Amino acid sequence: MFTPETMEPGKGYECTFTVKNIPLDEFGRPGGMLSLADIPIEKIGDYTSIGTIVARDLNKELLEVEDRKTNSLPKTYVVKFADVENINEV
């Protein structure tokens, strides 16, 4: 397993990530402006998913992750290193 600091440039990685405090629909999916569906926001909460790491900023300790759970257009989220786990090479 890798950490954000030990990932090598040019290789592909996937991870489990959590986006904190976002609007969620009744099914626990990102809602509101983060969704194309016309489903009302049920609550504000944390969204956990699996995604592909697209970019890394070592200075700010942030990762850009493309969500693989979505069935439509891929969504990307910027998350802190602390909110990512299970980083594996693909």
Protein backbone atom coordinates (compact mmCIF):
# COMPACT_ATOMS: atom_id res chain seq x y z
CA MET A 1 0.00 0.00 0.00
CA PHE A 2 1.10 3.55 -0.72
CA THR A 3 0.78 6.94 0.96
CA PRO A 4 0.30 10.20 -0.97
CA GLU A 5 3.94 11.03 -0.29
CA THR A 6 5.29 7.71 -1.65
CA MET A 7 3.32 7.67 -4.92
CA GLU A 8 5.55 7.82 -8.00
CA PRO A 9 4.82 10.36 -10.77
CA GLY A 10 3.58 8.81 -14.01
CA LYS A 11 1.97 5.76 -12.41
CA GLY A 12 -1.76 5.19 -11.90
CA TYR A 13 -3.29 4.91 -8.42
CA GLU A 14 -6.74 4.33 -6.99
CA CYS A 15 -7.96 4.94 -3.47
CA THR A 16 -10.87 5.17 -1.08
CA PHE A 17 -11.67 8.82 -0.37
CA THR A 18 -14.08 10.81 1.78
CA VAL A 19 -15.49 14.23 0.90
CA LYS A 20 -16.58 15.99 4.10
CA ASN A 21 -19.68 18.11 4.68
CA ILE A 22 -21.38 18.05 1.29
CA PRO A 23 -25.09 17.94 0.39
CA LEU A 24 -26.38 14.36 0.04
CA ASP A 25 -29.64 13.04 -1.39
CA GLU A 26 -31.80 10.38 0.28
CA PHE A 27 -29.56 7.64 -1.16
CA GLY A 28 -26.34 9.13 0.28
CA ARG A 29 -25.14 10.41 -3.10
CA PRO A 30 -23.82 13.94 -3.70
CA GLY A 31 -26.84 16.13 -4.33
CA GLY A 32 -27.75 19.71 -5.06
CA MET A 33 -25.36 21.38 -7.49
CA LEU A 34 -23.17 18.24 -7.39
CA SER A 35 -25.86 16.14 -9.11
CA LEU A 36 -27.68 16.07 -12.43
CA ALA A 37 -30.68 14.36 -10.82
CA ASP A 38 -33.63 16.39 -9.62
CA ILE A 39 -33.70 14.83 -6.15
CA PRO A 40 -33.92 17.03 -3.06
CA ILE A 41 -31.08 17.31 -0.59
CA GLU A 42 -31.74 15.12 2.44
CA LYS A 43 -28.80 16.12 4.65
CA ILE A 44 -25.28 17.46 4.86
CA GLY A 45 -22.78 14.68 5.47
CA ASP A 46 -19.70 12.79 4.36
CA TYR A 47 -19.48 10.94 1.03
CA THR A 48 -17.10 7.98 0.73
CA SER A 49 -16.26 6.36 -2.58
CA ILE A 50 -13.53 4.74 -4.67
CA GLY A 51 -11.67 6.76 -7.24
CA THR A 52 -8.65 7.28 -9.44
CA ILE A 53 -6.05 9.80 -8.31
CA VAL A 54 -5.65 12.42 -11.04
CA ALA A 55 -3.33 14.98 -9.42
CA ARG A 56 -1.34 15.53 -6.23
CA ASP A 57 -0.15 18.72 -4.49
CA LEU A 58 2.55 17.86 -1.96
CA ASN A 59 2.82 21.45 -0.67
CA LYS A 60 -0.88 21.81 0.18
CA GLU A 61 -1.34 18.07 0.89
CA LEU A 62 -4.30 17.73 -1.49
CA LEU A 63 -5.31 15.11 -4.04
CA GLU A 64 -7.69 15.43 -6.98
CA VAL A 65 -9.68 12.20 -7.24
CA GLU A 66 -12.04 11.10 -10.02
CA ASP A 67 -15.03 9.25 -8.56
CA ARG A 68 -15.56 5.78 -10.09
CA LYS A 69 -18.98 5.19 -8.48
CA THR A 70 -20.81 7.58 -10.78
CA ASN A 71 -22.68 6.13 -13.76
CA SER A 72 -22.72 9.36 -15.72
CA LEU A 73 -19.95 11.86 -16.37
CA PRO A 74 -17.02 11.39 -14.00
CA LYS A 75 -16.96 13.75 -11.04
CA THR A 76 -13.74 14.97 -9.51
CA TYR A 77 -13.20 16.02 -5.91
CA VAL A 78 -10.27 17.67 -4.15
CA VAL A 79 -9.57 15.97 -0.83
CA LYS A 80 -6.96 16.24 1.91
CA PHE A 81 -4.29 13.56 2.28
CA ALA A 82 -5.89 12.67 5.64
CA ASP A 83 -9.20 11.86 3.91
CA VAL A 84 -7.69 9.20 1.61
CA GLU A 85 -6.88 5.58 2.40
CA ASN A 86 -6.16 2.25 0.67
CA ILE A 87 -3.99 3.74 -2.08
CA ASN A 88 -3.07 1.04 -4.58
CA GLU A 89 -1.28 1.06 -7.91
CA VAL A 90 -3.41 0.19 -10.97
